[in-house]
Amino acid sequence: MSFLLARRLGSIAAVAAIRTPPSPLAQSPLRSLLLLASPSASPFPPSPAPLQARAYRRHTFETLVHEGGSGRSVMTYADKAAQAYFRLRDVVQESRLRETVRAQERFERNSDKRRRKKKEKQWKAYMRMVRKRVQVAWDLKNRTARQKEVYEDI
């Protein structure tokens, strides 16, 4: 199963470790009773709201040690390989591991790095402006539709 995850992740899997958990018998009796009582209980914390999930969150002490593993490692269960893969993908995305590996592939002069960072900053500002204008347009459209429902003479 680790081979399948490593193959799907490519070179990232070499950096992000995948661990298998101890057997259920090795866990504490209370935890195993709770798991038996609720079979749908997930070992991973609930996912944040969609808008929070898109934002970049730097790995802090709280996110480095989580119930599903620690650091960039994720505990895998035999019947939940896909869930472990998606959790590992989220951890890799949060820690910006792909960007770090891509940046280390070839040397970048400081002037080029500043220019690239400046362009990225300008692009993010432009996309924020576009999103804001699209939201204003949708609000105007929805407001007009509500007014047409209320008033017959429009």
Protein backbone atom coordinates (compact mmCIF):
# COMPACT_ATOMS: atom_id res chain seq x y z
CA MET A 1 0.00 0.00 0.00
CA SER A 2 2.89 2.40 0.75
CA PHE A 3 4.25 1.68 -2.70
CA LEU A 4 0.96 2.76 -4.28
CA LEU A 5 0.95 6.03 -2.35
CA ALA A 6 4.61 6.63 -3.14
CA ARG A 7 3.95 6.02 -6.82
CA ARG A 8 1.02 8.47 -6.90
CA LEU A 9 2.99 11.18 -5.08
CA GLY A 10 6.17 10.79 -7.12
CA SER A 11 9.28 12.34 -5.61
CA ILE A 12 7.30 13.99 -2.81
CA ALA A 13 6.83 10.62 -1.11
CA ALA A 14 10.57 10.42 -0.55
CA VAL A 15 10.30 13.46 1.72
CA ALA A 16 6.93 12.75 3.31
CA ALA A 17 7.03 9.61 5.42
CA ILE A 18 4.10 7.21 5.52
CA ARG A 19 3.72 5.17 8.70
CA THR A 20 1.47 2.31 9.66
CA PRO A 21 -0.21 2.51 13.07
CA PRO A 22 0.24 0.01 15.87
CA SER A 23 -2.24 -2.81 15.99
CA PRO A 24 -5.62 -2.09 17.65
CA LEU A 25 -4.64 -4.42 20.49
CA ALA A 26 -1.64 -2.23 21.29
CA GLN A 27 -3.85 0.82 21.72
CA SER A 28 -5.31 1.81 25.06
CA PRO A 29 -8.41 -0.18 26.09
CA LEU A 30 -10.57 2.95 26.29
CA ARG A 31 -9.60 4.03 22.78
CA SER A 32 -10.26 0.58 21.34
CA LEU A 33 -13.66 0.52 23.09
CA LEU A 34 -14.50 3.92 21.64
CA LEU A 35 -13.47 2.78 18.17
CA LEU A 36 -15.57 -0.36 18.51
CA ALA A 37 -18.54 1.66 19.76
CA SER A 38 -18.44 4.05 16.83
CA PRO A 39 -17.17 2.36 13.65
CA SER A 40 -17.62 5.52 11.61
CA ALA A 41 -15.22 7.51 13.82
CA SER A 42 -12.41 8.92 11.73
CA PRO A 43 -8.82 9.05 13.00
CA PHE A 44 -8.43 12.43 11.27
CA PRO A 45 -9.78 15.75 12.53
CA PRO A 46 -12.75 17.19 10.63
CA SER A 47 -11.81 19.24 7.61
CA PRO A 48 -12.04 23.04 7.98
CA ALA A 49 -14.54 25.17 6.14
CA PRO A 50 -13.90 25.33 2.38
CA LEU A 51 -12.55 28.88 2.51
CA GLN A 52 -10.18 28.02 5.36
CA ALA A 53 -8.96 24.93 3.53
CA ARG A 54 -7.83 27.02 0.55
CA ALA A 55 -5.73 29.39 2.65
CA TYR A 56 -2.06 28.63 3.29
CA ARG A 57 -1.41 27.59 6.86
CA ARG A 58 2.21 27.42 7.99
CA HIS A 59 3.11 24.30 9.97
CA THR A 60 3.26 25.23 13.63
CA PHE A 61 3.66 23.02 16.66
CA GLU A 62 -0.08 22.34 16.71
CA THR A 63 -0.19 21.16 13.11
CA LEU A 64 3.09 19.24 13.29
CA VAL A 65 1.71 16.93 15.98
CA HIS A 66 -1.74 15.74 15.02
CA GLU A 67 -3.77 12.64 15.80
CA GLY A 68 -3.12 11.08 12.40
CA GLY A 69 0.68 11.31 12.73
CA SER A 70 3.37 13.92 13.28
CA GLY A 71 5.28 16.22 10.97
CA ARG A 72 4.74 15.25 7.36
CA SER A 73 3.85 11.66 8.20
CA VAL A 74 0.34 10.25 8.11
CA MET A 75 -0.88 7.06 9.75
CA THR A 76 -2.44 4.63 7.32
CA TYR A 77 -5.07 1.98 7.93
CA ALA A 78 -5.63 -0.99 5.67
CA ASP A 79 -9.19 -0.02 4.80
CA LYS A 80 -8.58 3.76 4.63
CA ALA A 81 -5.71 4.14 2.17
CA ALA A 82 -7.48 6.83 0.13
CA GLN A 83 -8.21 8.87 3.24
CA ALA A 84 -4.53 8.68 4.25
CA TYR A 85 -3.49 9.75 0.75
CA PHE A 86 -5.75 12.82 0.83
CA ARG A 87 -4.58 13.74 4.35
CA LEU A 88 -0.94 13.45 3.23
CA ARG A 89 -1.74 15.57 0.19
CA ASP A 90 -3.22 18.26 2.47
CA VAL A 91 -0.17 18.20 4.77
CA VAL A 92 2.18 18.50 1.77
CA GLN A 93 0.10 21.38 0.41
CA GLU A 94 -0.02 23.21 3.76
CA SER A 95 3.74 22.96 4.21
CA ARG A 96 4.39 24.15 0.63
CA LEU A 97 6.66 21.17 0.09
CA ARG A 98 6.19 21.08 -3.68
CA GLU A 99 7.17 24.74 -4.03
CA THR A 100 10.25 24.18 -1.88
CA VAL A 101 11.39 21.17 -3.91
CA ARG A 102 10.75 23.00 -7.18
CA ALA A 103 12.69 26.05 -5.97
CA GLN A 104 15.66 23.89 -4.95
CA GLU A 105 15.86 22.16 -8.33
CA ARG A 106 17.87 24.98 -9.84
CA PHE A 107 19.70 28.04 -8.54
CA GLU A 108 17.91 31.38 -8.70
CA ARG A 109 19.77 34.67 -8.42
CA ASN A 110 18.53 37.10 -5.79
CA SER A 111 17.41 39.63 -8.41
CA ASP A 112 15.41 36.93 -10.23
CA LYS A 113 13.92 35.78 -6.96
CA ARG A 114 12.84 39.33 -6.07
CA ARG A 115 11.35 39.80 -9.54
CA ARG A 116 9.44 36.50 -9.30
CA LYS A 117 8.15 37.29 -5.80
CA LYS A 118 7.06 40.76 -6.96
CA LYS A 119 5.20 39.26 -9.94
CA GLU A 120 3.52 36.68 -7.69
CA LYS A 121 2.44 39.45 -5.32
CA GLN A 122 1.04 41.54 -8.19
CA TRP A 123 -0.79 38.51 -9.61
CA LYS A 124 -2.37 37.74 -6.23
CA ALA A 125 -3.51 41.36 -5.89
CA TYR A 126 -4.96 41.27 -9.42
CA MET A 127 -6.83 38.03 -8.70
CA ARG A 128 -8.21 39.51 -5.45
CA MET A 129 -9.52 42.50 -7.44
CA VAL A 130 -11.07 40.22 -10.09
CA ARG A 131 -12.74 38.06 -7.43
CA LYS A 132 -14.11 41.18 -5.75
CA ARG A 133 -15.53 42.52 -9.03
CA VAL A 134 -17.11 39.17 -9.86
CA GLN A 135 -18.68 39.05 -6.40
CA VAL A 136 -20.07 42.58 -6.87
CA ALA A 137 -21.52 41.54 -10.25
CA TRP A 138 -23.17 38.46 -8.72
CA ASP A 139 -24.58 40.55 -5.86
CA LEU A 140 -26.03 43.04 -8.36
CA LYS A 141 -27.56 40.22 -10.40
CA ASN A 142 -29.11 38.62 -7.30
CA ARG A 143 -30.41 41.98 -6.06
CA THR A 144 -32.03 42.68 -9.44
CA ALA A 145 -33.63 39.23 -9.48
CA ARG A 146 -35.09 39.79 -5.99
CA GLN A 147 -36.44 43.20 -7.00
CA LYS A 148 -38.12 41.69 -10.05
CA GLU A 149 -39.82 39.10 -7.84
CA VAL A 150 -41.17 41.74 -5.46
CA TYR A 151 -42.24 44.42 -7.94
CA GLU A 152 -44.40 43.72 -10.98
CA ASP A 153 -43.71 47.08 -12.67
CA ILE A 154 -39.96 46.53 -13.14
